[in-house]
């Protein structure tokens, strides 16, 4: 989670909210247009998220995005 936060913070993009850090089994980071879910393997298996979203298209996200548009930057 910290890596995602740090990378976006460098680009002046801040999360709207973060939930679940205390329990640390399922963390949700809300960036508005993007939701980041970080969870343990057993939670992933329990909820069957791979089955639920298995037919959804995937998209490669580059480690170094070219730009962040001003309309999406949060300060």
C-alpha atoms as a PDB file:
ATOM      1  CA  UNK A   1       0.000   0.000   0.000  1.00  0.00           C
ATOM      2  CA  UNK A   2       2.754   2.424   0.881  1.00  0.00           C
ATOM      3  CA  UNK A   3       4.345   2.047  -2.549  1.00  0.00           C
ATOM      4  CA  UNK A   4       1.088   2.999  -4.300  1.00  0.00           C
ATOM      5  CA  UNK A   5       0.559   5.936  -1.973  1.00  0.00           C
ATOM      6  CA  UNK A   6       4.123   7.195  -2.364  1.00  0.00           C
ATOM      7  CA  UNK A   7       4.077   6.953  -6.156  1.00  0.00           C
ATOM      8  CA  UNK A   8       0.814   8.857  -6.464  1.00  0.00           C
ATOM      9  CA  UNK A   9       1.791  11.370  -3.781  1.00  0.00           C
ATOM     10  CA  UNK A  10       4.848  12.231  -5.897  1.00  0.00           C
ATOM     11  CA  UNK A  11       2.360  13.204  -8.612  1.00  0.00           C
ATOM     12  CA  UNK A  12       0.231  15.269  -6.204  1.00  0.00           C
ATOM     13  CA  UNK A  13      -2.558  12.655  -6.187  1.00  0.00           C
ATOM     14  CA  UNK A  14      -3.959  12.046  -2.712  1.00  0.00           C
ATOM     15  CA  UNK A  15      -6.494   9.414  -1.652  1.00  0.00           C
ATOM     16  CA  UNK A  16      -9.993  10.560  -0.777  1.00  0.00           C
ATOM     17  CA  UNK A  17     -10.154   7.925   1.956  1.00  0.00           C
ATOM     18  CA  UNK A  18      -8.382   4.832   3.261  1.00  0.00           C
ATOM     19  CA  UNK A  19     -10.176   2.076   5.161  1.00  0.00           C
ATOM     20  CA  UNK A  20      -9.122  -1.161   6.826  1.00  0.00           C
ATOM     21  CA  UNK A  21      -5.552  -0.307   7.778  1.00  0.00           C
ATOM     22  CA  UNK A  22      -6.072  -1.273  11.423  1.00  0.00           C
ATOM     23  CA  UNK A  23      -7.227  -4.824  10.666  1.00  0.00           C
ATOM     24  CA  UNK A  24      -4.836  -5.127   7.694  1.00  0.00           C
ATOM     25  CA  UNK A  25      -6.769  -7.955   6.035  1.00  0.00           C
ATOM     26  CA  UNK A  26      -8.553  -5.881   3.403  1.00  0.00           C
ATOM     27  CA  UNK A  27      -7.437  -2.308   2.778  1.00  0.00           C
ATOM     28  CA  UNK A  28      -9.399  -0.030   0.481  1.00  0.00           C
ATOM     29  CA  UNK A  29      -7.804   3.130  -0.887  1.00  0.00           C
ATOM     30  CA  UNK A  30     -10.219   5.441  -2.714  1.00  0.00           C
ATOM     31  CA  UNK A  31      -8.654   7.735  -5.322  1.00  0.00           C
ATOM     32  CA  UNK A  32     -11.996   8.739  -6.824  1.00  0.00           C
ATOM     33  CA  UNK A  33     -11.693   7.288 -10.329  1.00  0.00           C
ATOM     34  CA  UNK A  34      -9.577   4.383  -9.063  1.00  0.00           C
ATOM     35  CA  UNK A  35     -10.149   2.095  -6.080  1.00  0.00           C
ATOM     36  CA  UNK A  36      -7.173   0.110  -4.805  1.00  0.00           C
ATOM     37  CA  UNK A  37      -7.936  -3.112  -2.920  1.00  0.00           C
ATOM     38  CA  UNK A  38      -5.146  -4.764  -0.952  1.00  0.00           C
ATOM     39  CA  UNK A  39      -6.006  -7.972   0.866  1.00  0.00           C
ATOM     40  CA  UNK A  40      -4.520 -11.103   2.320  1.00  0.00           C
ATOM     41  CA  UNK A  41      -4.542 -14.334   0.336  1.00  0.00           C
ATOM     42  CA  UNK A  42      -7.124 -15.966   2.634  1.00  0.00           C
ATOM     43  CA  UNK A  43      -9.535 -13.036   2.238  1.00  0.00           C
ATOM     44  CA  UNK A  44      -9.049 -13.166  -1.527  1.00  0.00           C
ATOM     45  CA  UNK A  45      -9.907 -16.876  -1.531  1.00  0.00           C
ATOM     46  CA  UNK A  46     -12.826 -16.474   0.903  1.00  0.00           C
ATOM     47  CA  UNK A  47     -14.627 -13.896  -1.222  1.00  0.00           C
ATOM     48  CA  UNK A  48     -13.680 -15.547  -4.527  1.00  0.00           C
ATOM     49  CA  UNK A  49     -12.723 -12.263  -6.121  1.00  0.00           C
ATOM     50  CA  UNK A  50     -10.907 -13.986  -8.973  1.00  0.00           C
ATOM     51  CA  UNK A  51     -14.133 -15.817  -9.861  1.00  0.00           C
ATOM     52  CA  UNK A  52     -16.207 -12.678  -9.452  1.00  0.00           C
ATOM     53  CA  UNK A  53     -14.005 -10.523 -11.675  1.00  0.00           C
ATOM     54  CA  UNK A  54     -12.345 -13.277 -13.727  1.00  0.00           C
ATOM     55  CA  UNK A  55     -14.075 -12.269 -16.961  1.00  0.00           C
ATOM     56  CA  UNK A  56     -13.339  -8.554 -16.555  1.00  0.00           C
ATOM     57  CA  UNK A  57     -10.781  -7.106 -18.957  1.00  0.00           C
ATOM     58  CA  UNK A  58      -7.381  -6.461 -17.455  1.00  0.00           C
ATOM     59  CA  UNK A  59      -5.242  -3.428 -18.078  1.00  0.00           C
ATOM     60  CA  UNK A  60      -1.498  -3.137 -17.677  1.00  0.00           C
ATOM     61  CA  UNK A  61      -0.557  -0.183 -15.494  1.00  0.00           C
ATOM     62  CA  UNK A  62       2.916   1.145 -16.088  1.00  0.00           C
ATOM     63  CA  UNK A  63       5.110   1.768 -13.066  1.00  0.00           C
ATOM     64  CA  UNK A  64       5.888   5.276 -14.322  1.00  0.00           C
ATOM     65  CA  UNK A  65       2.776   6.960 -15.754  1.00  0.00           C
ATOM     66  CA  UNK A  66       3.616   9.642 -18.290  1.00  0.00           C
ATOM     67  CA  UNK A  67       1.414  12.364 -16.768  1.00  0.00           C
ATOM     68  CA  UNK A  68      -1.427  13.000 -14.404  1.00  0.00           C
ATOM     69  CA  UNK A  69      -3.959  15.447 -15.739  1.00  0.00           C
ATOM     70  CA  UNK A  70      -4.759  18.465 -13.602  1.00  0.00           C
ATOM     71  CA  UNK A  71      -8.399  17.436 -13.393  1.00  0.00           C
ATOM     72  CA  UNK A  72      -7.427  14.209 -11.655  1.00  0.00           C
ATOM     73  CA  UNK A  73      -4.749  15.521  -9.315  1.00  0.00           C
ATOM     74  CA  UNK A  74      -5.812  15.839  -5.720  1.00  0.00           C
ATOM     75  CA  UNK A  75      -3.917  18.060  -3.337  1.00  0.00           C
END
